[in-house]
Amino acid sequence: AFSALSVQLQVAVARHLRKCRQENGSDANCDGHVWIEAGSNRLEHRKLFVLESGILELVLPATKTRGELVIGHAGPGSIVGGLCALGLTATPFMTARQPKPTAEEEDDSEGSNSQESDREKRKTNSRRQTSFPEELVVYSLGPGHIHSLEQSFANEFMKLRRCVLECTMKSLRPYLLRAASAGFFSRYRREFVDRIVEFMRLRVFRSGELMFKERSPAHNLGILIHGKLDVIINFKTIGIMEASGQCFGESALLFDGANRTSTIRCTEGQEALVCLLKREDFHRVLEEFPEEKSRLEDHVRLTLTQLTLLDCFRTCDPMFLRLLSSKCTLLHLRWGETGCSPDMEEEAECMFLLNSGMVVVTQQGDNVVRKLRKGEGIGFEAGLGTKTGPPGYTMVGGLRGCTLIRIPYPKLEEAL
């Protein structure tokens, strides 16, 4: 568990560790003995534990919207409780307890030809009903010893904290894989998502600490493990994120040069445990899975289209707009490139919405030139089927090019 530390610090840690043992079948084991309790200020729950054998389950406390949630298991070699013990959090985020004995199902099928005697069956059933985990052997490191280590190894203590974060991340990995697969990465293959989770890093945010700032460059996607986060737009809090497993900040992975559309800040009086994935790590893994690139392109197209449609047609049913977004296409125009003109009959029944960049439109006959801004469109009559014939305008990409949402009338009819 401490292999990344210097030999001197490893020796000092080992010297202060105290062995604890929990016998199999003991009353504490049967009751799911709690070694660390979430939110507790008790001294015995502020220790760092290292498991030699056995298993502890890691549990998030119940909230108003759900019951307690088992999000991981710590096995031999794992560090438990280090986040609070090393001062990364004020109180423990998770409860660490011994799993309760599991009562396995008995085989009660009728007509069995088993030759077991009644006595042998009773022994077998007894073993099934008292299936305890292996003996739990734990070493503890108390607050006093931790303070002494911090004083003696001030320059290396941050390494010890990183060691604890990495070990906690390993214990939570199966849960993160499920959360990622159910959220942003649901359209990607399991092998790809599994590789992505390897690059995620655990981070603790303190009360009021800023995570993302509105209009700043977007570099990370986040997955909330525990805590509460404020969502702020134009200095106003518009919502709170508190659902464990919730993904946010996806634009960092999808779009080049993306900026944050909102500020994310840890709620006052709370602490938050978050997993972060860097954009460069995501694209590094993408290079290992070339077949996933086409899924990413589809993902980008669908997300861009949904955001633009939801912004332009705010009074429409969101479900209808999501369906429509799956039937639209993206049109990328370079500077000076024509996207639509009176002689392009294939665009006669299309409307266009500007998603990014700038486009220059010249109306036929009056030579009036205007520039479309993001969210603005043209060709609505043709796109809604109320006008036929060739387009009455010419549309050309602006100085830095542009991206438009192309909506043909037949596709709009399919979505209705």
Protein backbone atom coordinates (compact mmCIF):
# COMPACT_ATOMS: atom_id res chain seq x y z
CA ALA A 1 0.00 0.00 0.00
CA PHE A 2 2.89 2.38 0.72
CA SER A 3 5.30 1.25 -2.01
CA ALA A 4 5.47 4.75 -3.57
CA LEU A 5 6.90 6.21 -0.35
CA SER A 6 10.57 6.45 0.59
CA VAL A 7 12.02 3.54 2.56
CA GLN A 8 12.46 5.80 5.59
CA LEU A 9 8.79 6.80 5.61
CA GLN A 10 7.65 3.22 5.03
CA VAL A 11 9.70 2.08 8.02
CA ALA A 12 8.31 4.91 10.18
CA VAL A 13 4.72 4.05 9.20
CA ALA A 14 5.28 0.34 9.87
CA ARG A 15 6.73 1.12 13.30
CA HIS A 16 3.55 2.96 14.35
CA LEU A 17 1.00 0.49 12.95
CA ARG A 18 -0.95 -1.47 15.59
CA LYS A 19 -2.50 -4.83 14.81
CA CYS A 20 -6.24 -5.38 15.28
CA ARG A 21 -7.94 -8.73 14.75
CA GLN A 22 -11.61 -9.61 14.28
CA GLU A 23 -12.35 -13.28 14.74
CA ASN A 24 -14.66 -15.12 12.36
CA GLY A 25 -18.18 -15.58 13.64
CA SER A 26 -17.81 -13.12 16.49
CA ASP A 27 -20.77 -11.00 17.55
CA ALA A 28 -19.18 -7.89 16.02
CA ASN A 29 -18.72 -9.68 12.72
CA CYS A 30 -22.33 -10.93 12.73
CA ASP A 31 -23.59 -7.40 13.32
CA GLY A 32 -21.56 -5.86 10.48
CA HIS A 33 -18.99 -4.31 12.83
CA VAL A 34 -18.31 -0.66 11.94
CA TRP A 35 -14.66 0.40 11.86
CA ILE A 36 -15.30 3.89 10.47
CA GLU A 37 -18.64 5.71 10.51
CA ALA A 38 -19.46 8.38 7.92
CA GLY A 39 -19.71 11.86 9.45
CA SER A 40 -18.39 10.73 12.83
CA ASN A 41 -16.13 12.93 14.96
CA ARG A 42 -15.21 10.10 17.32
CA LEU A 43 -11.48 9.53 17.68
CA GLU A 44 -11.66 5.80 16.91
CA HIS A 45 -13.28 6.61 13.54
CA ARG A 46 -10.47 8.99 12.56
CA LYS A 47 -7.79 6.34 12.26
CA LEU A 48 -6.07 5.03 9.14
CA PHE A 49 -6.48 1.28 8.65
CA VAL A 50 -4.46 -1.11 6.51
CA LEU A 51 -6.02 -4.50 5.73
CA GLU A 52 -3.84 -7.60 5.89
CA SER A 53 -6.69 -10.04 5.26
CA GLY A 54 -10.48 -10.00 5.01
CA ILE A 55 -12.84 -7.50 3.41
CA LEU A 56 -14.50 -4.25 4.44
CA GLU A 57 -17.45 -2.79 2.52
CA LEU A 58 -17.51 0.96 1.88
CA VAL A 59 -20.93 2.57 2.28
CA LEU A 60 -22.25 6.06 1.57
CA PRO A 61 -24.81 7.22 4.15
CA ALA A 62 -28.50 7.47 3.26
CA THR A 63 -29.87 10.73 1.87
CA LYS A 64 -33.39 12.15 1.46
CA THR A 65 -33.70 10.52 -1.97
CA ARG A 66 -32.08 7.10 -1.42
CA GLY A 67 -31.01 4.62 1.22
CA GLU A 68 -27.41 3.83 2.11
CA LEU A 69 -25.29 2.86 -0.90
CA VAL A 70 -22.49 0.29 -0.96
CA ILE A 71 -19.99 1.74 -3.44
CA GLY A 72 -16.92 -0.44 -2.95
CA HIS A 73 -15.01 -3.11 -1.07
CA ALA A 74 -11.53 -2.90 0.42
CA GLY A 75 -9.45 -6.07 0.40
CA PRO A 76 -5.97 -7.15 1.55
CA GLY A 77 -3.40 -4.39 1.08
CA SER A 78 -6.02 -1.62 0.98
CA ILE A 79 -5.90 1.61 2.97
CA VAL A 80 -9.21 2.62 4.59
CA GLY A 81 -10.07 5.84 6.41
CA GLY A 82 -7.02 7.72 5.20
CA LEU A 83 -8.92 10.66 3.70
CA CYS A 84 -10.04 11.88 7.12
CA ALA A 85 -7.04 10.60 9.08
CA LEU A 86 -4.61 12.55 6.88
CA GLY A 87 -6.66 15.75 6.96
CA LEU A 88 -8.06 15.59 3.42
CA THR A 89 -11.60 15.72 4.83
CA ALA A 90 -13.04 17.04 8.09
CA THR A 91 -15.04 13.86 8.77
CA PRO A 92 -15.16 10.44 7.07
CA PHE A 93 -17.10 10.37 3.78
CA MET A 94 -17.86 6.65 3.95
CA THR A 95 -18.69 4.03 6.51
CA ALA A 96 -16.28 1.08 6.52
CA ARG A 97 -17.76 -2.06 8.02
CA GLN A 98 -17.41 -5.80 7.91
CA PRO A 99 -19.89 -7.46 5.54
CA LYS A 100 -22.62 -9.36 7.31
CA PRO A 101 -22.66 -13.16 6.90
CA THR A 102 -24.46 -14.16 3.72
CA ALA A 103 -27.18 -16.79 3.89
CA GLU A 104 -26.85 -18.78 0.67
CA GLU A 105 -29.93 -20.30 -0.91
CA GLU A 106 -30.61 -23.93 -0.13
CA ASP A 107 -31.33 -26.44 -2.84
CA ASP A 108 -34.95 -27.40 -2.12
CA SER A 109 -35.77 -28.89 -5.51
CA GLU A 110 -38.20 -31.79 -5.28
CA GLY A 111 -37.30 -35.30 -6.32
CA SER A 112 -33.57 -34.89 -5.72
CA ASN A 113 -31.55 -38.10 -6.10
CA SER A 114 -28.91 -36.94 -3.63
CA GLN A 115 -27.60 -39.71 -1.38
CA GLU A 116 -26.72 -37.34 1.47
CA SER A 117 -27.99 -38.42 4.87
CA ASP A 118 -30.17 -36.05 6.92
CA ARG A 119 -27.20 -35.38 9.16
CA GLU A 120 -24.96 -34.46 6.22
CA LYS A 121 -27.67 -32.18 4.83
CA ARG A 122 -27.95 -30.38 8.15
CA LYS A 123 -24.18 -29.86 8.20
CA THR A 124 -24.21 -28.53 4.63
CA ASN A 125 -27.10 -26.16 5.33
CA SER A 126 -25.40 -24.97 8.49
CA ARG A 127 -22.26 -24.12 6.53
CA ARG A 128 -24.35 -22.30 3.91
CA GLN A 129 -26.23 -20.25 6.50
CA THR A 130 -23.04 -19.18 8.34
CA SER A 131 -20.89 -18.22 5.35
CA PHE A 132 -18.55 -15.68 6.96
CA PRO A 133 -15.90 -13.69 5.11
CA GLU A 134 -12.33 -14.72 5.90
CA GLU A 135 -10.82 -13.55 9.16
CA LEU A 136 -10.26 -9.81 9.19
CA VAL A 137 -6.79 -8.65 10.24
CA VAL A 138 -6.28 -4.89 10.27
CA TYR A 139 -3.44 -2.56 11.24
CA SER A 140 -4.35 0.90 12.55
CA LEU A 141 -2.51 4.20 12.62
CA GLY A 142 -3.88 6.69 15.14
CA PRO A 143 -4.11 10.51 14.89
CA GLY A 144 -1.18 11.04 17.29
CA HIS A 145 1.17 8.87 15.25
CA ILE A 146 0.00 10.50 12.02
CA HIS A 147 0.76 13.95 13.45
CA SER A 148 4.23 12.73 14.43
CA LEU A 149 4.84 11.43 10.90
CA GLU A 150 3.72 14.73 9.40
CA GLN A 151 6.19 16.61 11.58
CA SER A 152 9.07 14.26 10.75
CA PHE A 153 8.34 13.84 7.01
CA ALA A 154 6.75 17.17 6.04
CA ASN A 155 8.19 17.06 2.51
CA GLU A 156 6.84 13.57 1.84
CA PHE A 157 3.49 13.79 3.55
CA MET A 158 1.76 14.89 0.34
CA LYS A 159 2.96 11.63 -1.25
CA LEU A 160 1.25 9.73 1.54
CA ARG A 161 -1.99 11.58 0.83
CA ARG A 162 -1.73 10.77 -2.89
CA CYS A 163 -1.10 7.15 -1.96
CA VAL A 164 -4.34 7.11 0.05
CA LEU A 165 -6.33 8.74 -2.77
CA GLU A 166 -5.04 6.18 -5.30
CA CYS A 167 -5.86 3.29 -2.98
CA THR A 168 -9.37 4.65 -2.36
CA MET A 169 -9.80 4.99 -6.11
CA LYS A 170 -8.96 1.29 -6.59
CA SER A 171 -11.59 0.30 -4.04
CA LEU A 172 -14.20 2.44 -5.82
CA ARG A 173 -13.30 1.35 -9.34
CA PRO A 174 -16.17 -1.17 -9.87
CA TYR A 175 -18.68 1.47 -8.77
CA LEU A 176 -17.12 4.11 -11.04
CA LEU A 177 -17.28 1.69 -13.96
CA ARG A 178 -21.01 1.23 -13.38
CA ALA A 179 -21.60 4.97 -12.95
CA ALA A 180 -19.65 5.87 -16.09
CA SER A 181 -21.32 3.14 -18.15
CA ALA A 182 -24.76 4.38 -17.09
CA GLY A 183 -23.99 8.04 -17.79
CA PHE A 184 -21.87 9.85 -20.34
CA PHE A 185 -20.11 6.69 -21.56
CA SER A 186 -23.26 4.59 -22.01
CA ARG A 187 -22.81 4.43 -25.80
CA TYR A 188 -19.23 3.13 -25.60
CA ARG A 189 -17.93 -0.43 -25.27
CA ARG A 190 -17.23 -1.87 -21.82
CA GLU A 191 -13.51 -2.38 -22.60
CA PHE A 192 -13.16 1.27 -23.58
CA VAL A 193 -14.93 2.51 -20.43
CA ASP A 194 -12.82 0.20 -18.26
CA ARG A 195 -9.66 1.73 -19.73
CA ILE A 196 -11.05 5.24 -19.24
CA VAL A 197 -11.66 4.61 -15.53
CA GLU A 198 -7.95 3.76 -15.14
CA PHE A 199 -7.13 7.37 -15.99
CA MET A 200 -9.61 8.94 -13.55
CA ARG A 201 -8.22 10.65 -10.48
CA LEU A 202 -9.90 11.18 -7.12
CA ARG A 203 -10.10 14.69 -5.70
CA VAL A 204 -11.53 16.16 -2.49
CA PHE A 205 -13.13 19.63 -2.64
CA ARG A 206 -13.61 21.68 0.51
CA SER A 207 -16.55 23.88 1.46
CA GLY A 208 -16.94 26.73 -1.07
CA GLU A 209 -14.03 25.56 -3.21
CA LEU A 210 -14.32 26.32 -6.94
CA MET A 211 -14.22 23.35 -9.32
CA PHE A 212 -15.18 24.83 -12.72
CA LYS A 213 -15.53 28.53 -13.57
CA GLU A 214 -18.09 29.81 -16.06
CA ARG A 215 -16.60 30.80 -19.46
CA SER A 216 -13.18 29.35 -18.57
CA PRO A 217 -11.59 26.65 -20.79
CA ALA A 218 -13.00 23.17 -20.13
CA HIS A 219 -10.37 20.50 -19.44
CA ASN A 220 -12.03 17.85 -17.23
CA LEU A 221 -15.14 15.71 -16.91
CA GLY A 222 -16.28 14.99 -13.36
CA ILE A 223 -18.21 12.20 -11.63
CA LEU A 224 -19.64 13.07 -8.22
CA ILE A 225 -19.06 10.35 -5.63
CA HIS A 226 -20.31 12.12 -2.51
CA GLY A 227 -21.25 15.62 -1.39
CA LYS A 228 -23.11 18.57 -2.89
CA LEU A 229 -22.12 20.92 -5.70
CA ASP A 230 -23.67 24.29 -6.57
CA VAL A 231 -24.42 24.99 -10.26
CA ILE A 232 -24.08 28.74 -10.89
CA ILE A 233 -24.84 30.78 -14.03
CA ASN A 234 -24.33 34.55 -14.12
CA PHE A 235 -23.63 34.55 -10.37
CA LYS A 236 -26.97 32.90 -9.57
CA THR A 237 -27.27 29.39 -8.16
CA ILE A 238 -29.66 27.54 -10.47
CA GLY A 239 -29.37 24.07 -8.95
CA ILE A 240 -27.51 21.62 -6.72
CA MET A 241 -25.93 18.33 -7.74
CA GLU A 242 -25.95 15.65 -5.07
CA ALA A 243 -26.71 12.36 -6.84
CA SER A 244 -23.82 9.93 -6.43
CA GLY A 245 -22.54 8.79 -9.82
CA GLN A 246 -23.70 11.91 -11.68
CA CYS A 247 -21.48 13.00 -14.60
CA PHE A 248 -20.89 16.69 -15.40
CA GLY A 249 -18.59 18.83 -17.54
CA GLU A 250 -18.92 16.55 -20.60
CA SER A 251 -18.20 19.39 -23.04
CA ALA A 252 -14.51 19.15 -22.09
CA LEU A 253 -14.31 15.77 -23.83
CA LEU A 254 -16.61 16.48 -26.75
CA PHE A 255 -15.59 19.84 -28.18
CA ASP A 256 -12.27 21.44 -29.06
CA GLY A 257 -11.81 24.76 -27.30
CA ALA A 258 -14.97 24.33 -25.22
CA ASN A 259 -15.67 26.80 -22.42
CA ARG A 260 -17.61 26.15 -19.24
CA THR A 261 -21.28 27.11 -19.48
CA SER A 262 -21.63 27.29 -15.68
CA THR A 263 -19.63 27.55 -12.49
CA ILE A 264 -19.44 24.42 -10.31
CA ARG A 265 -18.60 25.02 -6.67
CA CYS A 266 -18.65 22.84 -3.57
CA THR A 267 -21.67 23.82 -1.48
CA GLU A 268 -20.95 25.84 1.66
CA GLY A 269 -20.77 23.64 4.74
CA GLN A 270 -20.18 20.53 2.61
CA GLU A 271 -17.24 18.57 1.27
CA ALA A 272 -17.27 16.70 -2.03
CA LEU A 273 -15.47 13.62 -3.33
CA VAL A 274 -15.16 13.80 -7.12
CA CYS A 275 -13.45 11.75 -9.84
CA LEU A 276 -11.93 13.81 -12.65
CA LEU A 277 -10.96 12.73 -16.18
CA LYS A 278 -8.69 14.99 -18.23
CA ARG A 279 -9.50 15.67 -21.88
CA GLU A 280 -6.03 14.60 -23.02
CA ASP A 281 -6.35 11.27 -21.18
CA PHE A 282 -9.72 10.63 -22.83
CA HIS A 283 -8.26 11.22 -26.29
CA ARG A 284 -5.18 9.16 -25.45
CA VAL A 285 -7.43 6.18 -24.72
CA LEU A 286 -9.44 6.98 -27.85
CA GLU A 287 -6.27 6.38 -29.90
CA GLU A 288 -6.17 2.84 -28.49
CA PHE A 289 -9.78 2.21 -29.62
CA PRO A 290 -10.11 3.59 -33.19
CA GLU A 291 -13.58 2.08 -33.57
CA GLU A 292 -14.81 4.30 -30.75
CA LYS A 293 -13.95 7.46 -32.71
CA SER A 294 -17.04 7.09 -34.90
CA ARG A 295 -19.16 6.80 -31.73
CA LEU A 296 -17.55 9.99 -30.45
CA GLU A 297 -18.36 11.78 -33.71
CA ASP A 298 -21.99 10.65 -33.42
CA HIS A 299 -22.00 11.71 -29.78
CA VAL A 300 -20.69 15.18 -30.68
CA ARG A 301 -23.24 15.59 -33.47
CA LEU A 302 -26.14 14.52 -31.28
CA THR A 303 -25.09 16.68 -28.34
CA LEU A 304 -24.49 19.78 -30.48
CA THR A 305 -27.85 19.34 -32.18
CA GLN A 306 -29.76 18.79 -28.94
CA LEU A 307 -28.25 21.86 -27.28
CA THR A 308 -28.98 24.07 -30.29
CA LEU A 309 -32.56 22.85 -30.70
CA LEU A 310 -33.31 23.17 -26.99
CA ASP A 311 -31.95 26.73 -27.05
CA CYS A 312 -33.82 27.80 -30.22
CA PHE A 313 -37.19 26.12 -29.58
CA ARG A 314 -37.60 26.48 -25.83
CA THR A 315 -41.39 26.14 -25.92
CA CYS A 316 -41.32 22.79 -27.74
CA ASP A 317 -41.52 19.41 -26.02
CA PRO A 318 -37.94 18.39 -25.06
CA MET A 319 -38.67 14.77 -25.98
CA PHE A 320 -39.69 15.86 -29.51
CA LEU A 321 -36.52 17.94 -29.84
CA ARG A 322 -34.34 15.02 -28.74
CA LEU A 323 -36.00 12.81 -31.34
CA LEU A 324 -35.56 15.50 -33.98
CA SER A 325 -31.88 15.91 -33.09
CA SER A 326 -31.25 12.27 -34.01
CA LYS A 327 -32.52 12.99 -37.54
CA CYS A 328 -30.57 16.19 -38.21
CA THR A 329 -27.10 16.55 -39.71
CA LEU A 330 -24.20 18.91 -39.01
CA LEU A 331 -22.94 21.14 -41.80
CA HIS A 332 -19.39 22.51 -41.41
CA LEU A 333 -18.47 25.44 -43.66
CA ARG A 334 -14.99 26.87 -44.15
CA TRP A 335 -14.40 30.57 -44.77
CA GLY A 336 -16.02 31.50 -48.08
CA GLU A 337 -17.58 28.06 -48.62
CA THR A 338 -21.21 28.10 -49.82
CA GLY A 339 -23.69 26.05 -47.82
CA CYS A 340 -26.87 27.01 -49.65
CA SER A 341 -27.81 29.04 -52.75
CA PRO A 342 -30.72 29.35 -55.22
CA ASP A 343 -29.14 26.80 -57.59
CA MET A 344 -28.82 24.10 -54.84
CA GLU A 345 -32.18 22.37 -55.23
CA GLU A 346 -31.30 19.67 -52.67
CA GLU A 347 -31.48 22.36 -49.95
CA ALA A 348 -34.93 23.59 -51.06
CA GLU A 349 -36.75 21.98 -48.11
CA CYS A 350 -34.22 22.69 -45.36
CA MET A 351 -33.91 25.09 -42.47
CA PHE A 352 -30.51 25.90 -40.93
CA LEU A 353 -29.61 26.86 -37.35
CA LEU A 354 -26.21 28.31 -36.50
CA ASN A 355 -24.45 26.38 -33.75
CA SER A 356 -21.03 28.02 -33.74
CA GLY A 357 -18.89 30.44 -35.75
CA MET A 358 -20.33 32.97 -38.17
CA VAL A 359 -22.29 32.68 -41.41
CA VAL A 360 -23.03 35.43 -43.95
CA VAL A 361 -26.45 35.42 -45.67
CA THR A 362 -27.34 37.39 -48.81
CA GLN A 363 -31.04 37.58 -49.77
CA GLN A 364 -31.75 37.10 -53.46
CA GLY A 365 -32.80 40.27 -55.30
CA ASP A 366 -32.06 42.93 -52.68
CA ASN A 367 -28.38 42.08 -52.02
CA VAL A 368 -28.90 42.75 -48.30
CA VAL A 369 -26.09 41.09 -46.34
CA ARG A 370 -26.55 39.99 -42.74
CA LYS A 371 -24.64 37.86 -40.29
CA LEU A 372 -26.29 35.13 -38.25
CA ARG A 373 -25.43 34.75 -34.59
CA LYS A 374 -25.40 31.54 -32.57
CA GLY A 375 -28.94 30.18 -32.21
CA GLU A 376 -30.28 32.15 -35.16
CA GLY A 377 -31.49 30.43 -38.32
CA ILE A 378 -32.75 30.78 -41.86
CA GLY A 379 -35.06 28.85 -44.18
CA PHE A 380 -37.80 28.29 -41.59
CA GLU A 381 -40.64 28.41 -44.13
CA ALA A 382 -38.99 25.76 -46.30
CA GLY A 383 -38.08 23.65 -43.29
CA LEU A 384 -41.68 23.75 -42.01
CA GLY A 385 -43.11 22.84 -45.42
CA THR A 386 -44.94 26.14 -46.02
CA LYS A 387 -42.73 27.18 -48.94
CA THR A 388 -41.50 25.26 -51.99
CA GLY A 389 -38.98 26.03 -54.67
CA PRO A 390 -35.26 26.88 -54.56
CA PRO A 391 -33.80 28.81 -51.64
CA GLY A 392 -34.12 32.58 -51.95
CA TYR A 393 -30.76 33.30 -50.34
CA THR A 394 -27.06 32.45 -50.44
CA MET A 395 -25.32 31.29 -47.25
CA VAL A 396 -21.51 31.42 -46.95
CA GLY A 397 -19.15 30.50 -44.10
CA GLY A 398 -17.69 33.44 -42.16
CA LEU A 399 -14.08 34.33 -41.41
CA ARG A 400 -13.39 31.41 -39.06
CA GLY A 401 -15.91 29.04 -40.57
CA CYS A 402 -19.07 27.81 -38.89
CA THR A 403 -21.15 24.78 -37.89
CA LEU A 404 -24.88 24.67 -38.74
CA ILE A 405 -27.69 22.27 -37.89
CA ARG A 406 -29.41 21.14 -41.10
CA ILE A 407 -33.09 20.15 -40.66
CA PRO A 408 -34.88 18.84 -43.80
CA TYR A 409 -38.68 19.06 -43.79
CA PRO A 410 -39.15 15.26 -44.39
CA LYS A 411 -37.10 14.55 -41.21
CA LEU A 412 -39.19 17.06 -39.26
CA GLU A 413 -42.32 15.23 -40.41
CA GLU A 414 -40.88 11.90 -39.22
CA ALA A 415 -40.26 13.34 -35.74
CA LEU A 416 -43.75 14.82 -35.41
